[in-house]
Protein backbone atom coordinates (compact mmCIF):
# COMPACT_ATOMS: atom_id res chain seq x y z
CA MET A 1 -17.09 -29.86 -91.60
CA LEU A 2 -14.89 -31.73 -89.16
CA ARG A 3 -11.84 -30.17 -90.72
CA ARG A 4 -13.21 -26.66 -90.20
CA PHE A 5 -13.96 -27.46 -86.52
CA TRP A 6 -10.40 -28.53 -85.79
CA LEU A 7 -9.12 -25.39 -87.55
CA LEU A 8 -11.28 -23.17 -85.35
CA PHE A 9 -10.19 -25.12 -82.25
CA ALA A 10 -6.52 -24.74 -83.15
CA GLN A 11 -6.95 -21.02 -83.69
CA ALA A 12 -8.72 -20.58 -80.31
CA VAL A 13 -5.98 -22.46 -78.46
CA THR A 14 -3.33 -20.37 -80.20
CA VAL A 15 -5.07 -17.13 -79.20
CA LEU A 16 -5.47 -18.35 -75.56
CA LEU A 17 -1.81 -19.29 -75.30
CA ALA A 18 -0.84 -15.91 -76.74
CA LEU A 19 -2.99 -14.14 -74.12
CA MET A 20 -1.45 -16.20 -71.31
CA PHE A 21 2.03 -15.32 -72.57
CA ILE A 22 1.20 -11.62 -72.68
CA ILE A 23 -0.31 -11.70 -69.16
CA ALA A 24 2.65 -13.64 -67.74
CA THR A 25 5.02 -11.09 -69.28
CA LEU A 26 3.23 -7.83 -68.51
CA LYS A 27 0.98 -8.59 -65.49
CA PRO A 28 2.42 -11.57 -63.59
CA GLN A 29 0.70 -10.46 -60.35
CA TRP A 30 -2.66 -11.37 -61.89
CA LEU A 31 -1.62 -15.00 -61.98
CA GLN A 32 -0.21 -14.77 -58.40
CA ARG A 33 -3.48 -13.36 -57.02
CA GLN A 34 -5.31 -16.18 -58.70
CA GLY A 35 -3.01 -18.66 -56.96
CA GLN A 36 -3.53 -17.03 -53.57
CA PHE A 37 -7.28 -17.04 -54.09
CA GLY A 38 -7.14 -20.74 -54.72
CA LYS A 39 -5.19 -21.25 -51.49
CA GLN A 40 -7.72 -19.22 -49.49
CA LEU A 41 -10.49 -21.51 -50.65
CA ALA A 42 -8.58 -24.57 -49.46
CA GLU A 43 -9.66 -26.17 -46.18
CA PRO A 44 -7.29 -25.39 -43.22
CA ILE A 45 -5.38 -28.25 -41.68
CA VAL A 46 -6.46 -27.24 -38.13
CA ALA A 47 -9.09 -24.84 -36.81
CA LEU A 48 -7.44 -21.44 -36.32
CA ARG A 49 -8.69 -17.93 -35.51
CA GLU A 50 -7.68 -15.53 -38.25
CA VAL A 51 -8.21 -11.78 -38.42
CA ALA A 52 -10.70 -10.69 -41.02
CA PRO A 53 -9.36 -8.89 -44.12
CA GLY A 54 -8.77 -5.20 -43.46
CA ILE A 55 -8.89 -5.49 -39.64
CA GLY A 56 -5.67 -4.63 -37.83
CA ASN A 57 -4.20 -2.95 -40.89
CA GLY A 58 -5.53 0.52 -40.13
CA PRO A 59 -3.26 3.57 -39.92
CA LEU A 60 -1.16 3.74 -36.75
CA GLU A 61 -0.84 6.89 -34.63
CA SER A 62 2.24 8.55 -36.11
CA SER A 63 2.48 11.49 -33.72
CA TYR A 64 1.49 12.42 -30.19
CA ALA A 65 2.26 16.08 -30.72
CA ASP A 66 -1.33 17.20 -30.05
CA ALA A 67 -1.36 15.47 -26.65
CA ALA A 68 2.06 16.90 -25.76
CA GLN A 69 1.13 20.43 -26.83
CA LYS A 70 -2.06 20.25 -24.78
CA ALA A 71 -0.34 19.15 -21.56
CA MET A 72 3.12 20.76 -21.71
CA PRO A 73 2.10 24.35 -20.85
CA ALA A 74 0.65 23.14 -17.53
CA VAL A 75 3.83 21.29 -16.47
CA VAL A 76 6.29 23.51 -14.59
CA ASN A 77 9.85 23.24 -13.35
CA VAL A 78 10.17 23.39 -9.56
CA PHE A 79 13.36 24.75 -8.00
CA SER A 80 13.59 24.45 -4.23
CA SER A 81 16.45 25.34 -1.91
CA LYS A 82 17.12 25.08 1.79
CA ASP A 83 19.80 26.52 3.99
CA GLY A 84 22.39 23.78 4.27
CA SER A 85 24.89 25.82 6.23
CA LEU A 86 26.91 24.32 9.07
CA PRO A 87 28.10 26.09 12.20
CA PRO A 88 31.09 28.31 11.30
CA ASP A 89 34.51 26.81 11.89
CA PRO A 90 36.27 28.93 14.58
CA ARG A 91 39.56 28.46 12.71
CA ALA A 92 38.12 30.17 9.63
CA LYS A 93 39.29 33.57 10.89
CA ASP A 94 42.91 32.41 10.97
CA PRO A 95 44.65 33.73 7.77
CA LEU A 96 47.13 30.83 7.84
CA PHE A 97 44.26 28.30 8.04
CA ARG A 98 42.49 29.97 5.10
CA TYR A 99 45.74 29.91 3.10
CA PHE A 100 46.12 26.15 3.38
CA PHE A 101 42.46 25.04 3.47
CA GLY A 102 40.65 27.80 1.60
CA ASP A 103 37.44 29.51 2.65
CA ARG A 104 35.62 26.38 3.81
CA ASN A 105 33.02 28.37 5.69
CA ARG A 106 31.76 29.93 2.46
CA ARG A 107 31.23 26.53 0.85
CA GLN A 108 29.45 25.26 3.96
CA GLN A 109 26.94 28.10 3.76
CA GLU A 110 25.94 27.44 0.15
CA PRO A 111 22.24 26.43 0.07
CA ALA A 112 21.28 22.91 -0.93
CA ALA A 113 19.21 22.93 -4.12
CA ASN A 114 16.66 20.46 -5.40
CA LEU A 115 15.08 20.10 -8.82
CA GLY A 116 11.73 18.65 -9.79
CA SER A 117 8.55 19.24 -11.72
CA GLY A 118 4.95 20.14 -10.98
CA VAL A 119 1.54 20.25 -12.64
CA ILE A 120 -0.84 23.22 -12.62
CA VAL A 121 -4.27 21.77 -11.88
CA SER A 122 -6.24 24.94 -11.23
CA SER A 123 -6.40 28.42 -12.73
CA GLU A 124 -6.35 29.68 -9.12
CA GLY A 125 -2.67 28.74 -9.01
CA TYR A 126 -2.69 25.34 -7.31
CA ILE A 127 0.16 23.03 -8.33
CA LEU A 128 0.62 19.33 -7.58
CA THR A 129 4.12 17.98 -7.04
CA ASN A 130 5.96 15.44 -4.90
CA GLN A 131 6.55 16.07 -1.21
CA HIS A 132 10.20 15.03 -1.51
CA VAL A 133 10.75 17.76 -4.13
CA VAL A 134 9.93 20.55 -1.66
CA ASP A 135 10.67 18.85 1.66
CA GLY A 136 12.36 21.26 4.07
CA ALA A 137 12.70 23.98 1.41
CA ASP A 138 13.15 27.57 2.52
CA GLN A 139 12.44 28.94 -0.94
CA ILE A 140 10.50 27.48 -3.87
CA GLU A 141 10.42 28.90 -7.38
CA ILE A 142 8.46 27.58 -10.34
CA ALA A 143 9.16 28.24 -14.02
CA LEU A 144 6.45 27.95 -16.64
CA ALA A 145 6.97 26.68 -20.16
CA ASP A 146 6.29 30.22 -21.49
CA GLY A 147 9.29 31.57 -19.54
CA ARG A 148 7.47 33.16 -16.62
CA THR A 149 8.73 32.48 -13.09
CA SER A 150 7.22 32.97 -9.66
CA GLU A 151 7.79 32.12 -6.03
CA ALA A 152 5.49 29.43 -4.68
CA LYS A 153 4.31 28.63 -1.18
CA VAL A 154 3.45 25.23 0.25
CA ILE A 155 -0.25 24.86 1.05
CA GLY A 156 0.16 21.39 2.51
CA VAL A 157 1.97 18.08 2.16
CA ASP A 158 1.05 14.43 2.56
CA PRO A 159 4.20 12.40 3.30
CA GLU A 160 2.28 9.11 3.24
CA THR A 161 1.54 9.50 -0.48
CA ASP A 162 4.53 11.78 -1.22
CA LEU A 163 2.30 14.56 -2.55
CA ALA A 164 2.45 18.31 -1.98
CA VAL A 165 0.23 21.20 -3.00
CA LEU A 166 1.82 24.53 -3.94
CA LYS A 167 0.23 27.85 -4.84
CA VAL A 168 1.38 30.75 -6.96
CA ASN A 169 -0.21 34.17 -7.48
CA MET A 170 -0.20 34.49 -11.27
CA THR A 171 -2.78 35.20 -13.95
CA ASN A 172 -3.59 33.44 -17.22
CA LEU A 173 -2.27 30.15 -15.97
CA PRO A 174 -2.53 27.11 -18.24
CA THR A 175 -4.15 24.13 -16.52
CA ILE A 176 -4.19 20.42 -17.24
CA THR A 177 -7.32 18.33 -17.74
CA LEU A 178 -7.74 15.45 -15.30
CA GLY A 179 -8.12 12.02 -16.87
CA ARG A 180 -10.10 9.01 -15.66
CA MET A 181 -8.37 6.05 -14.02
CA ASP A 182 -11.39 3.79 -14.51
CA GLN A 183 -10.82 3.98 -18.27
CA THR A 184 -7.08 3.33 -18.11
CA ARG A 185 -5.86 -0.10 -19.20
CA VAL A 186 -2.56 -1.92 -19.24
CA GLY A 187 -1.03 -1.35 -22.67
CA ASP A 188 -2.35 2.21 -23.12
CA VAL A 189 0.20 4.65 -24.56
CA VAL A 190 1.26 7.36 -22.09
CA LEU A 191 3.58 10.37 -22.14
CA ALA A 192 5.79 11.52 -19.25
CA ILE A 193 6.46 15.26 -19.11
CA GLY A 194 9.01 16.86 -16.80
CA ASN A 195 12.47 18.35 -16.47
CA PRO A 196 14.93 15.43 -16.23
CA PHE A 197 18.42 16.33 -15.01
CA GLY A 198 17.52 20.01 -15.47
CA VAL A 199 17.96 19.87 -19.27
CA GLY A 200 14.57 21.50 -19.84
CA GLN A 201 11.02 20.37 -20.44
CA THR A 202 11.07 16.90 -22.00
CA VAL A 203 8.43 14.48 -23.27
CA THR A 204 9.01 10.71 -23.26
CA MET A 205 6.68 7.95 -24.42
CA GLY A 206 5.81 4.49 -23.14
CA ILE A 207 2.84 2.37 -22.13
CA VAL A 208 1.00 1.53 -18.93
CA SER A 209 2.96 -1.51 -17.78
CA ALA A 210 0.79 -2.32 -14.74
CA LEU A 211 -1.88 -0.84 -12.49
CA GLY A 212 -2.28 -0.95 -8.72
CA ARG A 213 1.37 -1.63 -7.91
CA ASN A 214 2.00 -1.82 -4.13
CA HIS A 215 4.28 -3.48 -1.57
CA LEU A 216 7.16 -1.45 -3.02
CA GLY A 217 8.17 0.24 0.23
CA ILE A 218 8.13 3.70 -1.36
CA ASN A 219 5.09 5.22 0.38
CA THR A 220 2.72 4.18 3.14
CA PHE A 221 -0.23 4.21 0.76
CA GLU A 222 0.68 2.74 -2.60
CA ASN A 223 -1.47 2.26 -5.69
CA PHE A 224 1.01 3.11 -8.42
CA ILE A 225 0.73 3.20 -12.19
CA GLN A 226 3.80 1.44 -13.57
CA THR A 227 5.14 2.68 -16.90
CA ASP A 228 8.15 2.20 -19.13
CA ALA A 229 8.07 5.83 -20.28
CA PRO A 230 11.59 7.02 -19.36
CA ILE A 231 11.50 8.87 -16.00
CA ASN A 232 14.72 10.29 -14.57
CA PRO A 233 15.77 12.54 -11.66
CA GLY A 234 14.02 15.86 -12.19
CA ASN A 235 10.83 14.23 -13.51
CA SER A 236 9.44 13.88 -9.97
CA GLY A 237 6.17 15.75 -9.65
CA GLY A 238 5.70 15.90 -13.41
CA ALA A 239 2.76 14.66 -15.43
CA LEU A 240 1.93 11.25 -16.84
CA VAL A 241 -0.72 11.88 -19.51
CA ASP A 242 -2.74 9.82 -21.98
CA ILE A 243 -2.70 10.25 -25.77
CA HIS A 244 -5.30 13.01 -25.42
CA GLY A 245 -3.12 15.05 -23.04
CA ASN A 246 -5.21 14.32 -19.94
CA LEU A 247 -3.49 13.80 -16.58
CA LEU A 248 -3.33 10.18 -15.42
CA GLY A 249 -0.72 10.45 -12.67
CA ILE A 250 2.07 12.33 -10.93
CA ASN A 251 5.47 10.82 -11.74
CA THR A 252 7.08 9.86 -8.44
CA ALA A 253 9.68 7.13 -8.46
CA ILE A 254 11.82 4.83 -10.58
CA TYR A 255 13.37 1.45 -10.03
CA SER A 256 17.04 1.95 -10.78
CA ARG A 257 20.41 0.57 -9.79
CA SER A 258 22.30 3.32 -11.60
CA GLY A 259 20.18 6.41 -10.94
CA GLY A 260 18.89 6.48 -14.53
CA SER A 261 15.78 5.03 -16.10
CA LEU A 262 15.60 1.25 -16.53
CA GLY A 263 12.09 1.28 -17.94
CA ILE A 264 10.32 0.81 -14.59
CA GLY A 265 8.76 4.03 -13.36
CA PHE A 266 5.88 4.71 -10.98
CA ALA A 267 3.23 7.43 -10.93
CA ILE A 268 0.60 8.28 -8.31
CA PRO A 269 -2.86 7.86 -9.91
CA VAL A 270 -4.83 11.02 -10.60
CA SER A 271 -7.66 9.68 -8.41
CA THR A 272 -5.37 9.64 -5.36
CA ALA A 273 -3.79 12.98 -6.26
CA ARG A 274 -7.19 14.63 -6.61
CA SER A 275 -8.37 13.33 -3.23
CA VAL A 276 -5.22 14.60 -1.50
CA LEU A 277 -5.44 17.95 -3.31
CA GLU A 278 -9.03 18.60 -2.28
CA SER A 279 -8.39 17.56 1.33
CA ILE A 280 -5.34 19.81 1.66
CA ILE A 281 -7.09 22.81 0.08
CA THR A 282 -10.13 22.31 2.32
CA THR A 283 -8.50 21.49 5.66
CA GLY A 284 -4.77 22.06 5.16
CA THR A 285 -4.02 18.41 5.79
CA VAL A 286 -5.14 14.89 4.87
CA THR A 287 -7.36 13.13 7.40
CA ARG A 288 -7.47 9.34 7.33
CA GLY A 289 -9.08 6.64 9.42
CA TRP A 290 -7.04 4.52 11.86
CA ILE A 291 -7.67 1.67 14.33
CA GLY A 292 -4.28 1.27 16.02
CA VAL A 293 -3.07 -2.19 15.04
CA GLU A 294 0.21 -3.54 13.71
CA PRO A 295 -0.81 -5.83 10.84
CA GLN A 296 1.12 -8.44 8.87
CA ASP A 297 0.18 -10.31 5.71
CA VAL A 298 -1.11 -13.84 6.13
CA THR A 299 1.30 -15.85 4.00
CA PRO A 300 1.07 -19.59 3.28
CA GLU A 301 4.10 -20.07 5.53
CA ILE A 302 2.46 -18.24 8.46
CA ALA A 303 -0.80 -20.08 7.94
CA GLU A 304 0.98 -23.44 7.97
CA SER A 305 3.17 -22.69 10.98
CA PHE A 306 0.20 -21.53 13.12
CA GLY A 307 -2.22 -24.10 11.75
CA LEU A 308 -4.51 -21.44 10.30
CA GLU A 309 -7.31 -22.36 7.95
CA GLN A 310 -7.48 -18.75 6.72
CA LYS A 311 -4.93 -18.22 3.95
CA THR A 312 -5.50 -14.51 3.23
CA GLY A 313 -6.09 -11.38 5.27
CA ALA A 314 -4.12 -9.28 7.74
CA ILE A 315 -3.02 -10.89 10.99
CA VAL A 316 -2.82 -8.58 14.01
CA ALA A 317 0.72 -8.68 15.39
CA GLY A 318 0.13 -5.94 17.94
CA VAL A 319 -2.63 -3.70 19.31
CA LEU A 320 -2.07 -0.17 20.62
CA LYS A 321 -3.26 -0.02 24.20
CA GLY A 322 -6.24 2.32 24.49
CA GLY A 323 -6.58 2.60 20.71
CA PRO A 324 -9.78 2.02 18.71
CA ALA A 325 -9.02 -1.66 18.06
CA ASP A 326 -8.14 -2.30 21.70
CA LYS A 327 -11.39 -0.71 22.88
CA ALA A 328 -13.35 -2.82 20.38
CA GLY A 329 -11.81 -6.06 21.64
CA ILE A 330 -9.45 -6.89 18.80
CA LYS A 331 -6.55 -9.02 20.06
CA PRO A 332 -3.12 -10.03 18.75
CA GLY A 333 -3.46 -13.12 16.59
CA ASP A 334 -6.82 -12.09 15.13
CA ILE A 335 -7.00 -12.20 11.34
CA LEU A 336 -8.90 -9.28 9.81
CA VAL A 337 -10.69 -10.46 6.67
CA GLY A 338 -13.35 -7.79 6.11
CA VAL A 339 -14.24 -4.18 6.93
CA ASN A 340 -17.72 -2.82 6.18
CA GLY A 341 -18.31 -5.62 3.71
CA GLN A 342 -15.05 -5.09 1.82
CA ASP A 343 -12.68 -8.04 1.62
CA ILE A 344 -9.29 -7.63 3.28
CA THR A 345 -6.67 -9.67 1.44
CA ASP A 346 -3.49 -8.14 2.85
CA THR A 347 -2.13 -5.26 4.94
CA THR A 348 -2.12 -2.81 2.02
CA ARG A 349 -5.80 -3.43 1.44
CA LEU A 350 -6.49 -3.02 5.17
CA LEU A 351 -4.66 0.32 5.33
CA ASN A 352 -6.44 1.68 2.26
CA VAL A 353 -9.92 0.62 3.37
CA ILE A 354 -9.53 1.93 6.94
CA ALA A 355 -7.96 5.19 5.72
CA GLN A 356 -11.04 6.00 3.62
CA ILE A 357 -13.42 5.74 6.60
CA LYS A 358 -14.21 9.04 8.31
CA PRO A 359 -12.84 9.25 11.87
CA GLY A 360 -15.55 9.11 14.52
CA THR A 361 -17.74 6.68 12.60
CA ASP A 362 -18.36 3.01 13.41
CA ALA A 363 -17.03 0.25 11.17
CA LYS A 364 -17.99 -3.41 11.17
CA VAL A 365 -14.87 -5.58 11.26
CA HIS A 366 -15.09 -9.24 10.29
CA LEU A 367 -12.25 -11.34 11.72
CA VAL A 368 -11.14 -14.88 12.37
CA ARG A 369 -10.04 -15.84 15.91
CA LYS A 370 -8.81 -19.37 16.52
CA ASN A 371 -10.41 -20.48 13.24
CA LYS A 372 -13.78 -19.08 14.31
CA GLU A 373 -15.43 -16.09 12.58
CA LEU A 374 -16.37 -13.05 14.64
CA ASP A 375 -17.82 -9.57 13.97
CA LEU A 376 -16.84 -6.53 16.03
CA THR A 377 -17.72 -2.84 15.82
CA VAL A 378 -14.82 -0.40 15.89
CA MET A 379 -15.08 3.37 16.19
CA ILE A 380 -12.56 4.67 13.68
CA GLY A 381 -9.96 7.06 15.04
CA LYS A 382 -7.90 9.73 13.30
CA ARG A 383 -4.62 8.49 11.85
CA PRO A 384 -1.71 10.28 13.58
CA PRO A 385 0.83 12.05 11.37
CA PRO A 386 3.95 10.02 10.50
CA PRO A 387 7.06 10.78 12.55
CA LYS A 388 9.39 13.26 10.92
CA GLN A 389 12.58 11.79 9.53
CA SER A 390 15.98 13.24 10.16
CA SER A 391 17.63 15.20 7.37
CA SER A 392 19.93 12.31 6.63
CA ASP A 393 16.92 10.06 6.07
CA ASP A 394 15.35 12.59 3.72
CA ASP A 395 18.20 12.42 1.22
CA ASP A 396 17.64 10.78 -2.15
CA GLN A 397 17.90 7.02 -1.96
CA GLY A 398 18.26 6.57 -5.72
CA ASP A 399 14.79 5.10 -6.19
CA ASP A 400 12.77 8.27 -6.62
CA GLY A 401 12.54 10.24 -9.82
CA GLY A 402 14.08 13.46 -8.54
């Protein structure tokens, strides 16, 4: 009996070893999975957060063609020109002078051309672009993606945000869908559409690098979307869209030391662009609130040097005589820290908050004077238009996108 038991045991072991040999030869991964399973059951050395199986391994977006095809028809090329002629040289009529120096007068009379992009936002023919694209232009022409062209007229401009509204008289115009800034997050994929260097309509991809960028010295009112989607000269006025093809911003400027894209571009948010568009269409201009002060940021250095307890806000460096602030009793040295219940952290915040208040209405200003808090009521005035720059100041400075 015992002999038979050992015989059966020996046969079973032989069969098991044969099966293991066959598995190791034909299906070695079975043994590897078993080893990994054993490792997963082992206790971790330290407490770590690990993604659950299957999460984060989903299919990635392999193409943004649908978003591009949705938005591209509404993005146009903008060609503007202005008469750049100089007074004729009196020597130009001298045949000997023309022999040695050529017909210089003809070259002087060639018009100066500018190239940019625009976005059709309404089937009625309204187009958003940058003010610097059409500034001083005598003639503006737009070209659609379908090959159609048309002359455009300027409805209004807003130099303080560098936006302009154009209008064309055309039918069957493609329009872009406006996106929502409140749903935009840093890290979202975006597409920039425009006409860089005049090569033709081009789509580039990147992400939202930052939101609410200001203190850049580009515009008076700054609240830029920063993106690394390549933006180059000629992209100005073009569209920055999300992965659904909805408009998020108007491409405006780039940070560049060479004139080309370095991965730091700026777009005006669609919320700002829409507000400017509606104001220009309704009134022909943009009306903003104003109190007539010259503000400066309260920095730690300023606070320390003047012995200020207040470390944030906008310190009043000057007050326009007879202006709204002067009439309300605001004095140089006051630190503005609140307007109508909204905190004022710096001069940019002050400008934006005041600008949104309708002229002719009263605003409650909370300030600090000699380390004592004080509330004053200011009747908001109408912000005067910015002084016009000379033609030499209007030239490209290398920081804008076109």
